[in-house]
Amino acid sequence: MIFGIVVFSGSLYVMTFTGIKILGAITPIGGVVFIVAWVLLALSIGKITEKS
């Protein structure tokens, strides 16, 4: 989850402050990683609640 936040937000910050436009291609990767982390967290919570 932290990796997704750093890549998503970090690439936007660096792109804004430096003007390096190629980092725009990296931003969606961070977003996808962040979404996958949330889905995995939800699935793991679902499995925990099933057992109890």
PDB file of N, CA and C in Angstrom:
ATOM      1  N   MET A   1       0.829  -1.177   0.000  1.00  0.00           N
ATOM      2  CA  MET A   1       0.000   0.000   0.000  1.00  0.00           C
ATOM      3  C   MET A   1       0.884   1.255   0.000  1.00  0.00           C
ATOM      4  N   ILE A   2       1.909   1.222   0.802  1.00  0.00           N
ATOM      5  CA  ILE A   2       2.813   2.377   0.864  1.00  0.00           C
ATOM      6  C   ILE A   2       3.513   2.576  -0.472  1.00  0.00           C
ATOM      7  N   PHE A   3       3.903   1.474  -1.106  1.00  0.00           N
ATOM      8  CA  PHE A   3       4.559   1.573  -2.417  1.00  0.00           C
ATOM      9  C   PHE A   3       3.638   2.253  -3.429  1.00  0.00           C
ATOM     10  N   GLY A   4       2.368   1.883  -3.436  1.00  0.00           N
ATOM     11  CA  GLY A   4       1.411   2.489  -4.355  1.00  0.00           C
ATOM     12  C   GLY A   4       1.242   3.979  -4.111  1.00  0.00           C
ATOM     13  N   ILE A   5       1.176   4.358  -2.839  1.00  0.00           N
ATOM     14  CA  ILE A   5       1.037   5.773  -2.496  1.00  0.00           C
ATOM     15  C   ILE A   5       2.266   6.558  -2.939  1.00  0.00           C
ATOM     16  N   VAL A   6       3.431   6.003  -2.654  1.00  0.00           N
ATOM     17  CA  VAL A   6       4.674   6.703  -2.990  1.00  0.00           C
ATOM     18  C   VAL A   6       4.819   6.862  -4.505  1.00  0.00           C
ATOM     19  N   VAL A   7       4.536   5.801  -5.250  1.00  0.00           N
ATOM     20  CA  VAL A   7       4.691   5.879  -6.703  1.00  0.00           C
ATOM     21  C   VAL A   7       3.643   6.805  -7.299  1.00  0.00           C
ATOM     22  N   PHE A   8       2.393   6.687  -6.862  1.00  0.00           N
ATOM     23  CA  PHE A   8       1.326   7.522  -7.409  1.00  0.00           C
ATOM     24  C   PHE A   8       1.546   8.996  -7.061  1.00  0.00           C
ATOM     25  N   SER A   9       1.608   9.287  -5.778  1.00  0.00           N
ATOM     26  CA  SER A   9       1.739  10.677  -5.342  1.00  0.00           C
ATOM     27  C   SER A   9       3.114  11.248  -5.672  1.00  0.00           C
ATOM     28  N   GLY A  10       4.132  10.431  -5.479  1.00  0.00           N
ATOM     29  CA  GLY A  10       5.490  10.903  -5.742  1.00  0.00           C
ATOM     30  C   GLY A  10       5.708  11.283  -7.191  1.00  0.00           C
ATOM     31  N   SER A  11       5.179  10.481  -8.098  1.00  0.00           N
ATOM     32  CA  SER A  11       5.355  10.815  -9.513  1.00  0.00           C
ATOM     33  C   SER A  11       4.608  12.099  -9.870  1.00  0.00           C
ATOM     34  N   LEU A  12       3.453  12.321  -9.258  1.00  0.00           N
ATOM     35  CA  LEU A  12       2.726  13.574  -9.515  1.00  0.00           C
ATOM     36  C   LEU A  12       3.474  14.780  -8.965  1.00  0.00           C
ATOM     37  N   TYR A  13       4.011  14.642  -7.744  1.00  0.00           N
ATOM     38  CA  TYR A  13       4.780  15.742  -7.165  1.00  0.00           C
ATOM     39  C   TYR A  13       6.013  16.062  -8.006  1.00  0.00           C
ATOM     40  N   VAL A  14       6.770  15.027  -8.352  1.00  0.00           N
ATOM     41  CA  VAL A  14       7.991  15.249  -9.130  1.00  0.00           C
ATOM     42  C   VAL A  14       7.650  15.840 -10.496  1.00  0.00           C
ATOM     43  N   MET A  15       6.585  15.347 -11.111  1.00  0.00           N
ATOM     44  CA  MET A  15       6.183  15.854 -12.416  1.00  0.00           C
ATOM     45  C   MET A  15       5.783  17.330 -12.320  1.00  0.00           C
ATOM     46  N   THR A  16       5.106  17.704 -11.239  1.00  0.00           N
ATOM     47  CA  THR A  16       4.673  19.082 -11.063  1.00  0.00           C
ATOM     48  C   THR A  16       5.850  20.023 -10.837  1.00  0.00           C
ATOM     49  N   PHE A  17       6.755  19.621  -9.956  1.00  0.00           N
ATOM     50  CA  PHE A  17       7.844  20.516  -9.578  1.00  0.00           C
ATOM     51  C   PHE A  17       8.998  20.549 -10.569  1.00  0.00           C
ATOM     52  N   THR A  18       9.195  19.474 -11.336  1.00  0.00           N
ATOM     53  CA  THR A  18      10.322  19.446 -12.262  1.00  0.00           C
ATOM     54  C   THR A  18       9.907  19.596 -13.714  1.00  0.00           C
ATOM     55  N   GLY A  19       8.668  19.283 -14.025  1.00  0.00           N
ATOM     56  CA  GLY A  19       8.213  19.362 -15.404  1.00  0.00           C
ATOM     57  C   GLY A  19       8.581  18.141 -16.233  1.00  0.00           C
ATOM     58  N   ILE A  20       9.067  17.078 -15.611  1.00  0.00           N
ATOM     59  CA  ILE A  20       9.414  15.853 -16.332  1.00  0.00           C
ATOM     60  C   ILE A  20       8.112  15.115 -16.654  1.00  0.00           C
ATOM     61  N   LYS A  21       7.695  15.160 -17.895  1.00  0.00           N
ATOM     62  CA  LYS A  21       6.393  14.620 -18.292  1.00  0.00           C
ATOM     63  C   LYS A  21       6.369  13.097 -18.409  1.00  0.00           C
ATOM     64  N   ILE A  22       7.515  12.452 -18.541  1.00  0.00           N
ATOM     65  CA  ILE A  22       7.553  10.998 -18.701  1.00  0.00           C
ATOM     66  C   ILE A  22       7.034  10.285 -17.452  1.00  0.00           C
ATOM     67  N   LEU A  23       7.082  10.960 -16.317  1.00  0.00           N
ATOM     68  CA  LEU A  23       6.598  10.351 -15.080  1.00  0.00           C
ATOM     69  C   LEU A  23       5.084  10.167 -15.091  1.00  0.00           C
ATOM     70  N   GLY A  24       4.404  10.823 -16.002  1.00  0.00           N
ATOM     71  CA  GLY A  24       2.965  10.634 -16.141  1.00  0.00           C
ATOM     72  C   GLY A  24       2.613   9.203 -16.508  1.00  0.00           C
ATOM     73  N   ALA A  25       3.532   8.496 -17.126  1.00  0.00           N
ATOM     74  CA  ALA A  25       3.301   7.097 -17.495  1.00  0.00           C
ATOM     75  C   ALA A  25       3.430   6.171 -16.291  1.00  0.00           C
ATOM     76  N   ILE A  26       4.111   6.610 -15.257  1.00  0.00           N
ATOM     77  CA  ILE A  26       4.311   5.790 -14.065  1.00  0.00           C
ATOM     78  C   ILE A  26       3.146   5.945 -13.090  1.00  0.00           C
ATOM     79  N   THR A  27       2.475   7.065 -13.114  1.00  0.00           N
ATOM     80  CA  THR A  27       1.409   7.365 -12.163  1.00  0.00           C
ATOM     81  C   THR A  27       0.314   6.296 -12.121  1.00  0.00           C
ATOM     82  N   PRO A  28      -0.206   5.816 -13.260  1.00  0.00           N
ATOM     83  CA  PRO A  28      -1.246   4.781 -13.186  1.00  0.00           C
ATOM     84  C   PRO A  28      -0.780   3.477 -12.542  1.00  0.00           C
ATOM     85  N   ILE A  29       0.498   3.172 -12.662  1.00  0.00           N
ATOM     86  CA  ILE A  29       1.019   1.957 -12.030  1.00  0.00           C
ATOM     87  C   ILE A  29       0.869   2.060 -10.515  1.00  0.00           C
ATOM     88  N   GLY A  30       1.217   3.204  -9.962  1.00  0.00           N
ATOM     89  CA  GLY A  30       1.050   3.414  -8.528  1.00  0.00           C
ATOM     90  C   GLY A  30      -0.408   3.341  -8.109  1.00  0.00           C
ATOM     91  N   GLY A  31      -1.293   3.880  -8.938  1.00  0.00           N
ATOM     92  CA  GLY A  31      -2.720   3.813  -8.643  1.00  0.00           C
ATOM     93  C   GLY A  31      -3.242   2.394  -8.635  1.00  0.00           C
ATOM     94  N   VAL A  32      -2.818   1.610  -9.589  1.00  0.00           N
ATOM     95  CA  VAL A  32      -3.248   0.210  -9.659  1.00  0.00           C
ATOM     96  C   VAL A  32      -2.721  -0.575  -8.461  1.00  0.00           C
ATOM     97  N   VAL A  33      -1.481  -0.351  -8.098  1.00  0.00           N
ATOM     98  CA  VAL A  33      -0.904  -1.040  -6.937  1.00  0.00           C
ATOM     99  C   VAL A  33      -1.684  -0.674  -5.672  1.00  0.00           C
ATOM    100  N   PHE A  34      -2.055   0.584  -5.537  1.00  0.00           N
ATOM    101  CA  PHE A  34      -2.810   1.038  -4.372  1.00  0.00           C
ATOM    102  C   PHE A  34      -4.195   0.394  -4.330  1.00  0.00           C
ATOM    103  N   ILE A  35      -4.871   0.311  -5.471  1.00  0.00           N
ATOM    104  CA  ILE A  35      -6.187  -0.332  -5.544  1.00  0.00           C
ATOM    105  C   ILE A  35      -6.076  -1.819  -5.218  1.00  0.00           C
ATOM    106  N   VAL A  36      -5.075  -2.484  -5.754  1.00  0.00           N
ATOM    107  CA  VAL A  36      -4.876  -3.911  -5.474  1.00  0.00           C
ATOM    108  C   VAL A  36      -4.631  -4.125  -3.977  1.00  0.00           C
ATOM    109  N   ALA A  37      -3.881  -3.231  -3.350  1.00  0.00           N
ATOM    110  CA  ALA A  37      -3.629  -3.344  -1.914  1.00  0.00           C
ATOM    111  C   ALA A  37      -4.931  -3.252  -1.125  1.00  0.00           C
ATOM    112  N   TRP A  38      -5.817  -2.336  -1.512  1.00  0.00           N
ATOM    113  CA  TRP A  38      -7.111  -2.214  -0.827  1.00  0.00           C
ATOM    114  C   TRP A  38      -7.960  -3.462  -1.018  1.00  0.00           C
ATOM    115  N   VAL A  39      -7.957  -4.015  -2.221  1.00  0.00           N
ATOM    116  CA  VAL A  39      -8.739  -5.236  -2.486  1.00  0.00           C
ATOM    117  C   VAL A  39      -8.202  -6.396  -1.656  1.00  0.00           C
ATOM    118  N   LEU A  40      -6.900  -6.539  -1.597  1.00  0.00           N
ATOM    119  CA  LEU A  40      -6.310  -7.614  -0.799  1.00  0.00           C
ATOM    120  C   LEU A  40      -6.616  -7.433   0.686  1.00  0.00           C
ATOM    121  N   LEU A  41      -6.601  -6.204   1.144  1.00  0.00           N
ATOM    122  CA  LEU A  41      -6.945  -5.939   2.535  1.00  0.00           C
ATOM    123  C   LEU A  41      -8.397  -6.327   2.812  1.00  0.00           C
ATOM    124  N   ALA A  42      -9.299  -5.954   1.916  1.00  0.00           N
ATOM    125  CA  ALA A  42     -10.713  -6.301   2.084  1.00  0.00           C
ATOM    126  C   ALA A  42     -10.911  -7.815   2.065  1.00  0.00           C
ATOM    127  N   LEU A  43     -10.222  -8.502   1.182  1.00  0.00           N
ATOM    128  CA  LEU A  43     -10.341  -9.961   1.123  1.00  0.00           C
ATOM    129  C   LEU A  43      -9.815 -10.620   2.396  1.00  0.00           C
ATOM    130  N   SER A  44      -8.720 -10.112   2.912  1.00  0.00           N
ATOM    131  CA  SER A  44      -8.163 -10.699   4.126  1.00  0.00           C
ATOM    132  C   SER A  44      -9.077 -10.443   5.324  1.00  0.00           C
ATOM    133  N   ILE A  45      -9.698  -9.289   5.386  1.00  0.00           N
ATOM    134  CA  ILE A  45     -10.642  -9.009   6.472  1.00  0.00           C
ATOM    135  C   ILE A  45     -11.862  -9.921   6.329  1.00  0.00           C
ATOM    136  N   GLY A  46     -12.299 -10.151   5.100  1.00  0.00           N
ATOM    137  CA  GLY A  46     -13.421 -11.054   4.867  1.00  0.00           C
ATOM    138  C   GLY A  46     -13.123 -12.469   5.326  1.00  0.00           C
ATOM    139  N   LYS A  47     -11.925 -12.936   5.095  1.00  0.00           N
ATOM    140  CA  LYS A  47     -11.547 -14.288   5.521  1.00  0.00           C
ATOM    141  C   LYS A  47     -11.456 -14.382   7.042  1.00  0.00           C
ATOM    142  N   ILE A  48     -10.986 -13.324   7.671  1.00  0.00           N
ATOM    143  CA  ILE A  48     -10.882 -13.326   9.138  1.00  0.00           C
ATOM    144  C   ILE A  48     -12.273 -13.385   9.768  1.00  0.00           C
ATOM    145  N   THR A  49     -13.212 -12.615   9.218  1.00  0.00           N
ATOM    146  CA  THR A  49     -14.553 -12.594   9.793  1.00  0.00           C
ATOM    147  C   THR A  49     -15.317 -13.883   9.526  1.00  0.00           C
ATOM    148  N   GLU A  50     -14.985 -14.610   8.465  1.00  0.00           N
ATOM    149  CA  GLU A  50     -15.616 -15.895   8.189  1.00  0.00           C
ATOM    150  C   GLU A  50     -15.227 -16.930   9.238  1.00  0.00           C
ATOM    151  N   LYS A  51     -14.000 -16.900   9.697  1.00  0.00           N
ATOM    152  CA  LYS A  51     -13.500 -17.899  10.633  1.00  0.00           C
ATOM    153  C   LYS A  51     -14.086 -17.724  12.031  1.00  0.00           C
ATOM    154  N   SER A  52     -14.488 -16.524  12.392  1.00  0.00           N
ATOM    155  CA  SER A  52     -14.967 -16.320  13.755  1.00  0.00           C
ATOM    156  C   SER A  52     -16.475 -16.367  13.869  1.00  0.00           C
TER     157      SER A  52
END
